[in-house]
Amino acid sequence: MFPLRATSIRAKLVAIVMLTTVLALVLAGLALGAFEYRNARRNLGREIGTLAAIVGANSTAALAFRDADAAAEVLGALSSQPEVMAACLYDGDGQLFAHYHRVELTPCPAKAGNQDDTKKAGELVLWQPVVLQGERLGSVALIAELGELRRRL
């Protein structure tokens, strides 16, 4: 390290200004990154919520008539959504009725729950009730990966 007394006032001022500028840029970058991550996660939650509502609406007949093949076909349509790792359809008793897995390491919970029941690192789990004419027939859970958010950051 160089002696501080031997440097000119101009060099000291330049160093102080540079240090302040770098610190401000680092803090602004961290704040922007946190804001972007929060917004991206919120947007992903909305997208997955919309998908869950669509899957739930399309699953009413399969649940009402106890047609597991039709339910699996509805859930299989989610294969076009790369962020969806698994989709789980539950009957009115909360028992697993049909499922779709993109990744076998993402199992469906054995029984239906709520959003707070299954929080894992790197995953977003969203539960949606399946309702037909005011009667709850079951629920659907979509498990999405958060890897795209990390890549975006």
N, C-alpha and C. Protein backbone atom coordinates (compact mmCIF):
# COMPACT_ATOMS: atom_id res chain seq x y z
N MET A 1 0.84 -1.18 0.00
CA MET A 1 0.00 0.00 0.00
C MET A 1 0.89 1.24 0.00
N PHE A 2 0.42 2.25 -0.66
CA PHE A 2 1.22 3.47 -0.75
C PHE A 2 0.92 4.38 0.43
N PRO A 3 1.91 5.17 0.85
CA PRO A 3 1.69 6.07 1.99
C PRO A 3 0.68 7.16 1.63
N LEU A 4 -0.25 7.39 2.52
CA LEU A 4 -1.32 8.35 2.27
C LEU A 4 -0.80 9.79 2.27
N ARG A 5 0.21 10.06 3.06
CA ARG A 5 0.74 11.44 3.14
C ARG A 5 1.46 11.83 1.87
N ALA A 6 2.01 10.85 1.18
CA ALA A 6 2.81 11.16 0.00
C ALA A 6 1.95 11.45 -1.23
N THR A 7 0.67 11.10 -1.19
CA THR A 7 -0.18 11.33 -2.36
C THR A 7 -0.76 12.74 -2.32
N SER A 8 -1.04 13.25 -3.51
CA SER A 8 -1.57 14.62 -3.60
C SER A 8 -3.04 14.66 -3.20
N ILE A 9 -3.50 15.85 -2.90
CA ILE A 9 -4.90 16.04 -2.54
C ILE A 9 -5.79 15.65 -3.72
N ARG A 10 -5.33 15.97 -4.92
CA ARG A 10 -6.11 15.62 -6.12
C ARG A 10 -6.29 14.09 -6.21
N ALA A 11 -5.24 13.34 -5.99
CA ALA A 11 -5.32 11.87 -6.06
C ALA A 11 -6.24 11.34 -4.96
N LYS A 12 -6.17 11.94 -3.78
CA LYS A 12 -7.05 11.51 -2.69
C LYS A 12 -8.51 11.77 -3.03
N LEU A 13 -8.80 12.95 -3.60
CA LEU A 13 -10.17 13.28 -3.98
C LEU A 13 -10.68 12.35 -5.09
N VAL A 14 -9.83 12.06 -6.06
CA VAL A 14 -10.21 11.14 -7.14
C VAL A 14 -10.52 9.76 -6.55
N ALA A 15 -9.70 9.31 -5.62
CA ALA A 15 -9.91 8.00 -5.00
C ALA A 15 -11.23 7.97 -4.22
N ILE A 16 -11.52 9.04 -3.49
CA ILE A 16 -12.76 9.11 -2.72
C ILE A 16 -13.97 9.12 -3.66
N VAL A 17 -13.90 9.90 -4.73
CA VAL A 17 -15.01 9.97 -5.68
C VAL A 17 -15.20 8.61 -6.36
N MET A 18 -14.11 7.95 -6.75
CA MET A 18 -14.20 6.64 -7.38
C MET A 18 -14.81 5.61 -6.42
N LEU A 19 -14.36 5.61 -5.18
CA LEU A 19 -14.88 4.67 -4.20
C LEU A 19 -16.37 4.90 -3.96
N THR A 20 -16.77 6.14 -3.85
CA THR A 20 -18.18 6.48 -3.65
C THR A 20 -19.01 6.05 -4.85
N THR A 21 -18.50 6.29 -6.04
CA THR A 21 -19.22 5.92 -7.26
C THR A 21 -19.38 4.41 -7.38
N VAL A 22 -18.30 3.67 -7.13
CA VAL A 22 -18.36 2.21 -7.20
C VAL A 22 -19.35 1.68 -6.17
N LEU A 23 -19.31 2.20 -4.96
CA LEU A 23 -20.24 1.77 -3.91
C LEU A 23 -21.69 2.05 -4.31
N ALA A 24 -21.95 3.23 -4.86
CA ALA A 24 -23.31 3.58 -5.29
C ALA A 24 -23.77 2.66 -6.42
N LEU A 25 -22.89 2.35 -7.37
CA LEU A 25 -23.26 1.45 -8.46
C LEU A 25 -23.54 0.03 -7.97
N VAL A 26 -22.75 -0.45 -7.03
CA VAL A 26 -22.97 -1.78 -6.47
C VAL A 26 -24.32 -1.84 -5.74
N LEU A 27 -24.60 -0.84 -4.93
CA LEU A 27 -25.88 -0.81 -4.21
C LEU A 27 -27.06 -0.70 -5.17
N ALA A 28 -26.94 0.14 -6.19
CA ALA A 28 -28.01 0.27 -7.18
C ALA A 28 -28.21 -1.04 -7.93
N GLY A 29 -27.13 -1.73 -8.27
CA GLY A 29 -27.23 -3.01 -8.95
C GLY A 29 -27.92 -4.06 -8.10
N LEU A 30 -27.57 -4.11 -6.81
CA LEU A 30 -28.21 -5.06 -5.90
C LEU A 30 -29.71 -4.76 -5.74
N ALA A 31 -30.04 -3.48 -5.62
CA ALA A 31 -31.45 -3.10 -5.48
C ALA A 31 -32.23 -3.45 -6.75
N LEU A 32 -31.65 -3.17 -7.91
CA LEU A 32 -32.30 -3.50 -9.17
C LEU A 32 -32.47 -5.00 -9.33
N GLY A 33 -31.47 -5.77 -8.95
CA GLY A 33 -31.56 -7.22 -9.03
C GLY A 33 -32.65 -7.77 -8.13
N ALA A 34 -32.74 -7.27 -6.91
CA ALA A 34 -33.78 -7.72 -5.99
C ALA A 34 -35.17 -7.35 -6.50
N PHE A 35 -35.30 -6.15 -7.04
CA PHE A 35 -36.58 -5.71 -7.59
C PHE A 35 -36.98 -6.57 -8.78
N GLU A 36 -36.03 -6.84 -9.68
CA GLU A 36 -36.31 -7.67 -10.86
C GLU A 36 -36.69 -9.10 -10.46
N TYR A 37 -35.99 -9.67 -9.49
CA TYR A 37 -36.30 -11.03 -9.03
C TYR A 37 -37.71 -11.08 -8.45
N ARG A 38 -38.06 -10.08 -7.63
CA ARG A 38 -39.38 -10.06 -7.01
C ARG A 38 -40.48 -9.93 -8.06
N ASN A 39 -40.27 -9.05 -9.05
CA ASN A 39 -41.26 -8.88 -10.12
C ASN A 39 -41.37 -10.14 -10.97
N ALA A 40 -40.25 -10.75 -11.30
CA ALA A 40 -40.27 -11.95 -12.13
C ALA A 40 -40.96 -13.09 -11.39
N ARG A 41 -40.72 -13.21 -10.10
CA ARG A 41 -41.38 -14.26 -9.31
C ARG A 41 -42.89 -14.01 -9.23
N ARG A 42 -43.27 -12.75 -9.07
CA ARG A 42 -44.69 -12.41 -9.03
C ARG A 42 -45.35 -12.73 -10.37
N ASN A 43 -44.68 -12.39 -11.48
CA ASN A 43 -45.21 -12.68 -12.81
C ASN A 43 -45.32 -14.18 -13.05
N LEU A 44 -44.31 -14.94 -12.62
CA LEU A 44 -44.37 -16.39 -12.74
C LEU A 44 -45.54 -16.94 -11.93
N GLY A 45 -45.75 -16.40 -10.74
CA GLY A 45 -46.88 -16.82 -9.91
C GLY A 45 -48.21 -16.56 -10.60
N ARG A 46 -48.33 -15.42 -11.28
CA ARG A 46 -49.56 -15.11 -12.02
C ARG A 46 -49.75 -16.09 -13.18
N GLU A 47 -48.66 -16.35 -13.92
CA GLU A 47 -48.76 -17.28 -15.05
C GLU A 47 -49.16 -18.67 -14.58
N ILE A 48 -48.51 -19.15 -13.53
CA ILE A 48 -48.82 -20.48 -13.01
C ILE A 48 -50.23 -20.50 -12.44
N GLY A 49 -50.66 -19.41 -11.81
CA GLY A 49 -52.04 -19.33 -11.31
C GLY A 49 -53.05 -19.39 -12.44
N THR A 50 -52.76 -18.73 -13.54
CA THR A 50 -53.65 -18.78 -14.70
C THR A 50 -53.70 -20.19 -15.27
N LEU A 51 -52.53 -20.83 -15.39
CA LEU A 51 -52.49 -22.22 -15.87
C LEU A 51 -53.28 -23.14 -14.94
N ALA A 52 -53.13 -22.94 -13.64
CA ALA A 52 -53.85 -23.78 -12.67
C ALA A 52 -55.36 -23.59 -12.81
N ALA A 53 -55.79 -22.36 -13.03
CA ALA A 53 -57.22 -22.11 -13.20
C ALA A 53 -57.73 -22.76 -14.47
N ILE A 54 -56.95 -22.71 -15.55
CA ILE A 54 -57.36 -23.34 -16.81
C ILE A 54 -57.42 -24.85 -16.65
N VAL A 55 -56.40 -25.42 -16.04
CA VAL A 55 -56.38 -26.87 -15.82
C VAL A 55 -57.54 -27.29 -14.93
N GLY A 56 -57.80 -26.52 -13.91
CA GLY A 56 -58.92 -26.82 -13.02
C GLY A 56 -60.25 -26.79 -13.75
N ALA A 57 -60.44 -25.76 -14.59
CA ALA A 57 -61.70 -25.67 -15.35
C ALA A 57 -61.84 -26.81 -16.34
N ASN A 58 -60.73 -27.24 -16.93
CA ASN A 58 -60.78 -28.34 -17.90
C ASN A 58 -60.85 -29.72 -17.23
N SER A 59 -60.65 -29.78 -15.94
CA SER A 59 -60.65 -31.06 -15.22
C SER A 59 -61.97 -31.36 -14.52
N THR A 60 -62.92 -30.46 -14.60
CA THR A 60 -64.17 -30.67 -13.87
C THR A 60 -64.89 -31.93 -14.32
N ALA A 61 -64.96 -32.14 -15.63
CA ALA A 61 -65.67 -33.34 -16.13
C ALA A 61 -64.95 -34.61 -15.71
N ALA A 62 -63.61 -34.59 -15.80
CA ALA A 62 -62.85 -35.78 -15.41
C ALA A 62 -63.05 -36.12 -13.94
N LEU A 63 -63.09 -35.10 -13.09
CA LEU A 63 -63.32 -35.35 -11.66
C LEU A 63 -64.77 -35.76 -11.39
N ALA A 64 -65.71 -35.10 -12.07
CA ALA A 64 -67.12 -35.41 -11.83
C ALA A 64 -67.45 -36.85 -12.24
N PHE A 65 -66.84 -37.32 -13.32
CA PHE A 65 -67.12 -38.67 -13.81
C PHE A 65 -66.04 -39.68 -13.43
N ARG A 66 -65.11 -39.25 -12.59
CA ARG A 66 -64.03 -40.13 -12.10
C ARG A 66 -63.26 -40.78 -13.26
N ASP A 67 -62.93 -39.98 -14.27
CA ASP A 67 -62.22 -40.47 -15.45
C ASP A 67 -60.74 -40.06 -15.34
N ALA A 68 -59.92 -40.97 -14.81
CA ALA A 68 -58.51 -40.68 -14.58
C ALA A 68 -57.75 -40.50 -15.89
N ASP A 69 -58.14 -41.22 -16.94
CA ASP A 69 -57.46 -41.07 -18.23
C ASP A 69 -57.66 -39.68 -18.81
N ALA A 70 -58.89 -39.17 -18.74
CA ALA A 70 -59.17 -37.82 -19.23
C ALA A 70 -58.42 -36.78 -18.40
N ALA A 71 -58.35 -37.02 -17.10
CA ALA A 71 -57.62 -36.09 -16.23
C ALA A 71 -56.14 -36.08 -16.56
N ALA A 72 -55.57 -37.26 -16.81
CA ALA A 72 -54.15 -37.34 -17.18
C ALA A 72 -53.90 -36.65 -18.51
N GLU A 73 -54.86 -36.73 -19.43
CA GLU A 73 -54.72 -36.05 -20.72
C GLU A 73 -54.73 -34.54 -20.56
N VAL A 74 -55.60 -34.04 -19.70
CA VAL A 74 -55.65 -32.59 -19.43
C VAL A 74 -54.33 -32.13 -18.83
N LEU A 75 -53.82 -32.88 -17.85
CA LEU A 75 -52.57 -32.50 -17.21
C LEU A 75 -51.39 -32.64 -18.18
N GLY A 76 -51.45 -33.60 -19.08
CA GLY A 76 -50.39 -33.80 -20.05
C GLY A 76 -50.23 -32.64 -21.00
N ALA A 77 -51.28 -31.83 -21.17
CA ALA A 77 -51.19 -30.64 -22.03
C ALA A 77 -50.18 -29.64 -21.48
N LEU A 78 -49.81 -29.77 -20.21
CA LEU A 78 -48.83 -28.86 -19.62
C LEU A 78 -47.40 -29.16 -20.07
N SER A 79 -47.22 -30.20 -20.87
CA SER A 79 -45.87 -30.53 -21.35
C SER A 79 -45.31 -29.41 -22.23
N SER A 80 -46.18 -28.56 -22.75
CA SER A 80 -45.71 -27.44 -23.57
C SER A 80 -45.22 -26.26 -22.72
N GLN A 81 -45.37 -26.36 -21.42
CA GLN A 81 -44.93 -25.29 -20.52
C GLN A 81 -43.65 -25.73 -19.83
N PRO A 82 -42.49 -25.23 -20.28
CA PRO A 82 -41.22 -25.73 -19.74
C PRO A 82 -41.00 -25.46 -18.25
N GLU A 83 -41.64 -24.44 -17.71
CA GLU A 83 -41.43 -24.13 -16.30
C GLU A 83 -42.22 -25.04 -15.37
N VAL A 84 -43.24 -25.75 -15.89
CA VAL A 84 -44.06 -26.64 -15.06
C VAL A 84 -43.35 -27.98 -14.94
N MET A 85 -42.95 -28.31 -13.72
CA MET A 85 -42.25 -29.57 -13.47
C MET A 85 -43.23 -30.70 -13.16
N ALA A 86 -44.35 -30.36 -12.53
CA ALA A 86 -45.34 -31.38 -12.18
C ALA A 86 -46.70 -30.72 -12.01
N ALA A 87 -47.73 -31.51 -12.27
CA ALA A 87 -49.10 -31.09 -12.05
C ALA A 87 -49.83 -32.24 -11.36
N CYS A 88 -50.58 -31.92 -10.33
CA CYS A 88 -51.23 -32.95 -9.53
C CYS A 88 -52.71 -32.59 -9.38
N LEU A 89 -53.57 -33.55 -9.66
CA LEU A 89 -55.01 -33.34 -9.54
C LEU A 89 -55.52 -34.23 -8.41
N TYR A 90 -56.27 -33.61 -7.51
CA TYR A 90 -56.79 -34.31 -6.32
C TYR A 90 -58.30 -34.33 -6.36
N ASP A 91 -58.89 -35.41 -5.83
CA ASP A 91 -60.34 -35.51 -5.77
C ASP A 91 -60.86 -34.73 -4.57
N GLY A 92 -62.16 -34.79 -4.36
CA GLY A 92 -62.79 -34.04 -3.27
C GLY A 92 -62.34 -34.47 -1.89
N ASP A 93 -61.83 -35.71 -1.75
CA ASP A 93 -61.34 -36.20 -0.47
C ASP A 93 -59.87 -35.84 -0.24
N GLY A 94 -59.26 -35.19 -1.22
CA GLY A 94 -57.85 -34.81 -1.07
C GLY A 94 -56.88 -35.89 -1.49
N GLN A 95 -57.37 -36.97 -2.11
CA GLN A 95 -56.51 -38.05 -2.58
C GLN A 95 -56.02 -37.75 -3.99
N LEU A 96 -54.79 -38.14 -4.28
CA LEU A 96 -54.22 -37.93 -5.61
C LEU A 96 -55.03 -38.70 -6.64
N PHE A 97 -55.51 -38.00 -7.66
CA PHE A 97 -56.38 -38.59 -8.68
C PHE A 97 -55.62 -38.82 -9.99
N ALA A 98 -54.84 -37.84 -10.41
CA ALA A 98 -54.04 -37.95 -11.64
C ALA A 98 -52.84 -37.02 -11.49
N HIS A 99 -51.78 -37.31 -12.24
CA HIS A 99 -50.60 -36.45 -12.15
C HIS A 99 -49.84 -36.44 -13.47
N TYR A 100 -49.02 -35.39 -13.61
CA TYR A 100 -48.11 -35.23 -14.74
C TYR A 100 -46.76 -34.83 -14.16
N HIS A 101 -45.70 -35.46 -14.62
CA HIS A 101 -44.35 -35.12 -14.15
C HIS A 101 -43.45 -34.88 -15.34
N ARG A 102 -42.80 -33.74 -15.39
CA ARG A 102 -41.74 -33.51 -16.36
C ARG A 102 -40.45 -34.10 -15.79
N VAL A 103 -40.28 -33.93 -14.49
CA VAL A 103 -39.11 -34.43 -13.79
C VAL A 103 -39.59 -35.40 -12.72
N GLU A 104 -39.12 -36.63 -12.78
CA GLU A 104 -39.57 -37.65 -11.82
C GLU A 104 -39.16 -37.34 -10.39
N LEU A 105 -38.18 -36.47 -10.22
CA LEU A 105 -37.73 -36.11 -8.87
C LEU A 105 -38.67 -35.12 -8.20
N THR A 106 -39.75 -34.76 -8.89
CA THR A 106 -40.72 -33.82 -8.33
C THR A 106 -42.03 -34.56 -8.09
N PRO A 107 -42.13 -35.29 -6.98
CA PRO A 107 -43.37 -36.05 -6.73
C PRO A 107 -44.50 -35.15 -6.26
N CYS A 108 -45.70 -35.60 -6.53
CA CYS A 108 -46.87 -34.89 -6.02
C CYS A 108 -47.06 -35.24 -4.54
N PRO A 109 -47.50 -34.29 -3.75
CA PRO A 109 -47.84 -34.63 -2.37
C PRO A 109 -48.94 -35.68 -2.36
N ALA A 110 -48.92 -36.58 -1.38
CA ALA A 110 -49.88 -37.68 -1.31
C ALA A 110 -51.31 -37.17 -1.11
N LYS A 111 -51.45 -36.10 -0.35
CA LYS A 111 -52.76 -35.53 -0.09
C LYS A 111 -52.75 -34.06 -0.45
N ALA A 112 -53.93 -33.54 -0.78
CA ALA A 112 -54.06 -32.12 -1.12
C ALA A 112 -53.80 -31.28 0.12
N GLY A 113 -53.26 -30.11 -0.10
CA GLY A 113 -52.98 -29.19 1.00
C GLY A 113 -53.21 -27.77 0.55
N ASN A 114 -52.50 -26.87 1.18
CA ASN A 114 -52.58 -25.47 0.75
C ASN A 114 -51.18 -24.99 0.39
N GLN A 115 -51.07 -23.75 -0.02
CA GLN A 115 -49.80 -23.23 -0.52
C GLN A 115 -48.67 -23.33 0.50
N ASP A 116 -48.98 -23.26 1.75
CA ASP A 116 -47.93 -23.26 2.76
C ASP A 116 -47.41 -24.65 3.08
N ASP A 117 -48.10 -25.70 2.60
CA ASP A 117 -47.70 -27.06 2.95
C ASP A 117 -46.43 -27.53 2.26
N THR A 118 -46.18 -27.10 1.04
CA THR A 118 -45.06 -27.65 0.27
C THR A 118 -44.22 -26.52 -0.32
N LYS A 119 -43.36 -25.96 0.49
CA LYS A 119 -42.43 -24.96 0.00
C LYS A 119 -41.04 -25.58 -0.03
N LYS A 120 -40.44 -25.61 -1.22
CA LYS A 120 -39.10 -26.14 -1.37
C LYS A 120 -38.25 -25.08 -2.05
N ALA A 121 -36.97 -25.17 -1.83
CA ALA A 121 -36.05 -24.25 -2.49
C ALA A 121 -36.06 -24.52 -3.99
N GLY A 122 -36.15 -23.47 -4.78
CA GLY A 122 -36.10 -23.61 -6.22
C GLY A 122 -37.42 -23.98 -6.87
N GLU A 123 -38.51 -24.05 -6.09
CA GLU A 123 -39.81 -24.43 -6.63
C GLU A 123 -40.89 -23.45 -6.18
N LEU A 124 -41.88 -23.29 -7.02
CA LEU A 124 -43.07 -22.53 -6.68
C LEU A 124 -44.24 -23.50 -6.78
N VAL A 125 -44.95 -23.72 -5.67
CA VAL A 125 -46.08 -24.65 -5.65
C VAL A 125 -47.35 -23.82 -5.50
N LEU A 126 -48.28 -24.00 -6.44
CA LEU A 126 -49.51 -23.23 -6.41
C LEU A 126 -50.71 -24.17 -6.41
N TRP A 127 -51.61 -23.97 -5.46
CA TRP A 127 -52.81 -24.80 -5.32
C TRP A 127 -54.01 -24.01 -5.82
N GLN A 128 -54.91 -24.70 -6.52
CA GLN A 128 -56.12 -24.06 -7.05
C GLN A 128 -57.29 -25.02 -6.84
N PRO A 129 -58.39 -24.56 -6.27
CA PRO A 129 -59.55 -25.45 -6.13
C PRO A 129 -60.21 -25.70 -7.49
N VAL A 130 -60.79 -26.88 -7.65
CA VAL A 130 -61.56 -27.22 -8.85
C VAL A 130 -63.02 -27.19 -8.45
N VAL A 131 -63.76 -26.25 -9.02
CA VAL A 131 -65.14 -26.02 -8.61
C VAL A 131 -66.05 -26.12 -9.83
N LEU A 132 -67.18 -26.80 -9.67
CA LEU A 132 -68.19 -26.90 -10.72
C LEU A 132 -69.54 -26.52 -10.12
N GLN A 133 -70.14 -25.46 -10.63
CA GLN A 133 -71.43 -24.95 -10.18
C GLN A 133 -71.48 -24.79 -8.66
N GLY A 134 -70.44 -24.20 -8.11
CA GLY A 134 -70.38 -23.92 -6.69
C GLY A 134 -69.98 -25.09 -5.82
N GLU A 135 -69.82 -26.27 -6.39
CA GLU A 135 -69.42 -27.45 -5.62
C GLU A 135 -67.94 -27.73 -5.86
N ARG A 136 -67.21 -27.88 -4.79
CA ARG A 136 -65.78 -28.18 -4.91
C ARG A 136 -65.59 -29.66 -5.22
N LEU A 137 -65.01 -29.93 -6.39
CA LEU A 137 -64.78 -31.31 -6.81
C LEU A 137 -63.41 -31.82 -6.41
N GLY A 138 -62.48 -30.91 -6.18
CA GLY A 138 -61.11 -31.30 -5.84
C GLY A 138 -60.20 -30.09 -5.93
N SER A 139 -58.93 -30.35 -6.19
CA SER A 139 -57.97 -29.27 -6.33
C SER A 139 -56.85 -29.70 -7.25
N VAL A 140 -56.14 -28.72 -7.75
CA VAL A 140 -55.01 -28.96 -8.63
C VAL A 140 -53.80 -28.23 -8.05
N ALA A 141 -52.65 -28.87 -8.14
CA ALA A 141 -51.40 -28.25 -7.69
C ALA A 141 -50.43 -28.24 -8.87
N LEU A 142 -49.83 -27.09 -9.13
CA LEU A 142 -48.80 -26.98 -10.15
C LEU A 142 -47.49 -26.66 -9.46
N ILE A 143 -46.45 -27.38 -9.84
CA ILE A 143 -45.11 -27.17 -9.28
C ILE A 143 -44.24 -26.64 -10.40
N ALA A 144 -43.76 -25.41 -10.24
CA ALA A 144 -42.94 -24.76 -11.26
C ALA A 144 -41.53 -24.56 -10.74
N GLU A 145 -40.57 -24.63 -11.65
CA GLU A 145 -39.19 -24.40 -11.25
C GLU A 145 -38.87 -22.92 -11.33
N LEU A 146 -37.98 -22.48 -10.47
CA LEU A 146 -37.57 -21.08 -10.42
C LEU A 146 -36.23 -20.88 -11.13
N GLY A 147 -35.77 -21.88 -11.85
CA GLY A 147 -34.49 -21.79 -12.54
C GLY A 147 -34.44 -20.66 -13.54
N GLU A 148 -35.55 -20.41 -14.24
CA GLU A 148 -35.58 -19.32 -15.22
C GLU A 148 -35.37 -17.98 -14.53
N LEU A 149 -35.89 -17.84 -13.32
CA LEU A 149 -35.68 -16.58 -12.59
C LEU A 149 -34.19 -16.39 -12.28
N ARG A 150 -33.53 -17.44 -11.88
CA ARG A 150 -32.09 -17.34 -11.58
C ARG A 150 -31.30 -17.01 -12.84
N ARG A 151 -31.66 -17.67 -13.95
CA ARG A 151 -30.97 -17.39 -15.22
C ARG A 151 -31.20 -15.94 -15.63
N ARG A 152 -32.39 -15.45 -15.41
CA ARG A 152 -32.71 -14.07 -15.78
C ARG A 152 -31.91 -13.09 -14.94
N LEU A 153 -31.76 -13.40 -13.66
CA LEU A 153 -30.96 -12.53 -12.81
C LEU A 153 -29.53 -12.51 -13.26
